[in-house]
Protein backbone atom coordinates (compact mmCIF):
# COMPACT_ATOMS: atom_id res chain seq x y z
CA MET A 1 0.00 0.00 0.00
CA PHE A 2 1.22 3.48 -0.90
CA THR A 3 0.28 7.09 -0.15
CA GLY A 4 0.70 8.72 -3.55
CA LEU A 5 3.44 11.00 -2.17
CA ILE A 6 6.29 10.52 -4.63
CA GLU A 7 9.70 9.94 -3.06
CA GLU A 8 11.78 10.70 -6.12
CA GLU A 9 12.03 10.62 -9.88
CA GLY A 10 13.81 7.58 -11.23
CA THR A 11 15.19 6.99 -14.71
CA VAL A 12 14.80 4.02 -17.04
CA GLN A 13 18.35 2.69 -17.19
CA LYS A 14 17.59 -0.23 -19.46
CA LEU A 15 14.70 -2.37 -20.64
CA HIS A 16 14.42 -5.78 -22.20
CA ARG A 17 11.32 -7.17 -23.87
CA ARG A 18 10.74 -10.84 -23.10
CA GLY A 19 7.70 -12.37 -24.74
CA GLY A 20 4.80 -10.08 -23.90
CA SER A 21 6.48 -8.66 -20.80
CA VAL A 22 9.14 -5.99 -20.24
CA ILE A 23 11.99 -6.15 -17.72
CA PHE A 24 12.91 -2.66 -16.54
CA THR A 25 15.94 -1.49 -14.62
CA PHE A 26 15.46 1.91 -12.98
CA ARG A 27 18.24 4.12 -11.69
CA ALA A 28 17.32 5.71 -8.37
CA GLY A 29 19.02 7.11 -5.29
CA LYS A 30 16.57 7.29 -2.41
CA THR A 31 14.16 4.54 -3.43
CA VAL A 32 16.81 1.79 -3.49
CA ARG A 33 17.68 2.30 0.18
CA ARG A 34 16.61 -0.78 2.14
CA LEU A 35 14.96 -2.12 -1.04
CA ASN A 36 15.27 -5.88 -1.28
CA ILE A 37 14.29 -8.61 -3.72
CA ASP A 38 10.56 -9.42 -3.41
CA ASP A 39 9.76 -5.93 -2.07
CA SER A 40 7.01 -3.90 -3.71
CA VAL A 41 7.65 -0.53 -5.31
CA SER A 42 5.35 1.90 -7.11
CA VAL A 43 6.51 2.93 -10.60
CA ASN A 44 4.24 5.58 -12.13
CA GLY A 45 1.59 4.30 -9.74
CA VAL A 46 2.00 0.63 -10.70
CA CYS A 47 2.82 -1.78 -7.88
CA LEU A 48 5.68 -4.00 -9.07
CA THR A 49 7.92 -6.60 -7.42
CA VAL A 50 11.66 -6.09 -7.20
CA ILE A 51 13.55 -8.99 -8.81
CA GLN A 52 17.05 -7.48 -8.59
CA ALA A 53 18.52 -4.62 -6.58
CA THR A 54 21.87 -2.82 -6.38
CA ARG A 55 23.04 0.29 -4.54
CA SER A 56 21.91 2.52 -7.39
CA SER A 57 19.21 0.64 -9.29
CA PHE A 58 16.48 -1.96 -9.12
CA THR A 59 14.85 -4.27 -11.65
CA VAL A 60 11.19 -5.27 -12.07
CA GLN A 61 9.18 -7.21 -14.63
CA ALA A 62 5.91 -5.87 -16.03
CA VAL A 63 3.85 -8.71 -17.49
CA GLU A 64 1.26 -8.65 -20.28
CA GLU A 65 -1.72 -7.50 -18.19
CA THR A 66 0.29 -4.66 -16.68
CA ILE A 67 1.55 -3.51 -20.07
CA ARG A 68 -2.00 -3.62 -21.45
CA LYS A 69 -3.58 -1.55 -18.68
CA THR A 70 -0.84 1.02 -18.04
CA ASN A 71 1.56 3.36 -19.79
CA LEU A 72 4.67 1.37 -18.84
CA GLY A 73 4.87 -0.10 -22.33
CA ASN A 74 5.47 3.42 -23.69
CA LEU A 75 8.62 3.95 -21.61
CA ASN A 76 12.03 4.26 -23.24
CA VAL A 77 15.57 4.32 -21.89
CA GLY A 78 16.21 7.73 -20.31
CA ASP A 79 12.56 8.42 -19.45
CA SER A 80 11.71 9.61 -15.95
CA VAL A 81 9.22 7.81 -13.67
CA ASN A 82 7.59 8.51 -10.32
CA LEU A 83 8.81 6.20 -7.56
CA GLU A 84 7.46 5.41 -4.11
CA ARG A 85 8.20 2.67 -1.59
CA PRO A 86 5.32 1.10 0.38
CA LEU A 87 3.80 2.84 3.38
CA LEU A 88 5.17 1.86 6.77
CA PRO A 89 2.54 1.43 9.55
CA ASN A 90 4.23 4.02 11.77
CA GLU A 91 4.29 6.78 9.15
CA ARG A 92 1.87 9.66 8.62
CA LEU A 93 -0.60 9.15 5.77
CA GLY A 94 -0.19 12.41 3.92
CA GLY A 95 -1.88 11.43 0.66
CA HIS A 96 -4.56 8.76 0.46
CA PHE A 97 -4.60 4.96 0.35
CA VAL A 98 -3.13 3.96 -3.01
CA LEU A 99 -2.86 0.26 -3.81
CA GLY A 100 -0.82 0.48 -6.98
CA HIS A 101 -3.54 -1.44 -8.83
CA ILE A 102 -4.14 0.68 -11.91
CA ASP A 103 -7.74 0.91 -13.12
CA GLY A 104 -6.73 2.11 -16.56
CA ALA A 105 -4.85 4.67 -18.59
CA CYS A 106 -6.30 7.86 -20.02
CA SER A 107 -5.12 10.72 -22.21
CA VAL A 108 -4.14 14.27 -21.34
CA THR A 109 -6.45 16.59 -23.28
CA ARG A 110 -5.40 20.03 -22.07
CA ILE A 111 -2.78 21.73 -19.89
CA VAL A 112 -3.54 25.23 -18.64
CA LYS A 113 -0.75 27.32 -17.11
CA ARG A 114 -2.02 29.56 -14.31
CA LYS A 115 -0.22 32.20 -12.29
CA SER A 116 1.03 29.77 -9.65
CA SER A 117 -0.13 26.33 -10.80
CA TRP A 118 -1.00 24.09 -13.74
CA MET A 119 -4.41 22.60 -14.50
CA PHE A 120 -4.23 19.22 -16.24
CA TRP A 121 -7.34 17.88 -17.97
CA PHE A 122 -7.83 14.17 -18.71
CA ARG A 123 -10.47 12.14 -20.56
CA MET A 124 -11.48 8.83 -19.01
CA PRO A 125 -13.37 6.09 -20.84
CA ARG A 126 -17.08 6.54 -20.15
CA ARG A 127 -17.31 3.31 -18.13
CA PHE A 128 -15.05 4.84 -15.46
CA ALA A 129 -16.87 8.17 -15.12
CA ARG A 130 -18.89 6.93 -12.12
CA TYR A 131 -15.72 6.83 -10.01
CA LEU A 132 -15.03 10.52 -10.54
CA ILE A 133 -16.43 12.83 -7.86
CA PRO A 134 -15.77 16.54 -7.20
CA VAL A 135 -12.85 17.03 -4.76
CA GLY A 136 -12.45 13.25 -4.61
CA SER A 137 -9.09 11.53 -4.35
CA ILE A 138 -7.41 10.10 -7.41
CA ALA A 139 -3.90 8.85 -8.22
CA VAL A 140 -2.41 9.91 -11.56
CA ASN A 141 0.91 8.27 -12.44
CA GLY A 142 1.13 7.39 -8.77
CA VAL A 143 0.63 10.96 -7.50
CA SER A 144 -2.11 11.49 -4.92
CA LEU A 145 -4.29 14.33 -6.22
CA THR A 146 -7.70 15.92 -5.76
CA ILE A 147 -10.21 16.24 -8.60
CA ALA A 148 -10.50 20.00 -9.05
CA SER A 149 -13.08 20.03 -11.84
CA LEU A 150 -15.37 17.49 -13.47
CA ARG A 151 -17.24 17.60 -16.79
CA GLY A 152 -18.82 14.30 -17.75
CA ASN A 153 -15.97 11.83 -18.12
CA ASP A 154 -13.37 14.62 -18.27
CA PHE A 155 -11.65 15.64 -15.06
CA ALA A 156 -8.96 18.09 -14.04
CA VAL A 157 -6.36 18.24 -11.29
CA SER A 158 -4.37 21.24 -10.11
CA ILE A 159 -0.60 20.81 -9.88
CA ILE A 160 1.21 23.07 -7.42
CA PRO A 161 4.83 24.15 -8.04
CA HIS A 162 6.24 21.66 -5.52
CA THR A 163 4.48 18.71 -7.19
CA TRP A 164 5.63 20.03 -10.56
CA GLU A 165 9.25 20.00 -9.40
CA VAL A 166 9.35 16.60 -7.65
CA THR A 167 7.28 14.50 -10.07
CA THR A 168 7.20 13.78 -13.79
CA PHE A 169 4.27 16.14 -14.42
CA LYS A 170 6.72 18.68 -15.84
CA TYR A 171 7.38 16.26 -18.73
CA VAL A 172 3.75 15.38 -19.46
CA ARG A 173 2.33 16.71 -22.72
CA VAL A 174 -1.12 16.81 -24.34
CA GLY A 175 -1.86 13.40 -25.84
CA ASP A 176 0.29 11.48 -23.35
CA ARG A 177 -1.24 8.49 -21.56
CA VAL A 178 -1.21 8.45 -17.77
CA ASN A 179 -2.02 5.73 -15.25
CA VAL A 180 -5.11 6.26 -13.11
CA GLU A 181 -6.19 4.59 -9.89
CA PHE A 182 -9.53 5.58 -8.37
CA ASP A 183 -10.19 5.77 -4.65
CA MET A 184 -10.68 2.18 -3.51
CA LEU A 185 -13.51 3.11 -1.11
CA GLY A 186 -15.86 3.95 -3.96
CA LYS A 187 -15.11 0.67 -5.71
CA TYR A 188 -15.78 -1.36 -2.56
CA VAL A 189 -19.09 0.45 -1.96
CA GLU A 190 -20.16 -0.19 -5.57
CA ARG A 191 -19.34 -3.89 -5.27
CA LEU A 192 -21.18 -4.27 -1.97
CA LEU A 193 -24.28 -2.51 -3.28
CA LYS A 194 -24.38 -4.73 -6.38
CA HIS A 195 -24.42 -7.88 -4.23
CA ARG A 196 -26.99 -6.38 -1.89
CA LYS A 197 -29.45 -5.89 -4.76
CA ARG A 198 -29.31 -9.57 -5.78
């Protein structure tokens, strides 16, 4: 489980396609501390398992389902990614509960520069629109954010200068695909209500 508070930007050091999966090695400084084989790590919001680790990098394998549902398949050597280690039980929860289980990827439709922030607009597939609520929590590329505006299945988040500096949002462009995870509470409620009606 994660918080959506990004610890650092990592870099794709190398990648190797094996069958339908991709083996990534990411260069990182802070994230690799006390990171061991079999540990979980969030890469652009995707929970992955460490299969190799050194003092300056770690390696994970993204299998077919992960590549299909996320933007990891679009990564190239040299690209930056958002990294976060799992939440420890004795730490403050500054973001929201993020599982690293991506619901889907969506496209950036508009980026508006404001005086002291940036407004990013995204278009979700219509089937996911029910999970979008005004001022609700959402994770975009692993970053815990609040929905600032909502129009049908389009939503916007406001990026403050600090988030701009410490995450990969500064590299995101219109047309790019981003990973989205909705607040798990809404999904649990929906599931429970469906069974209750039967």
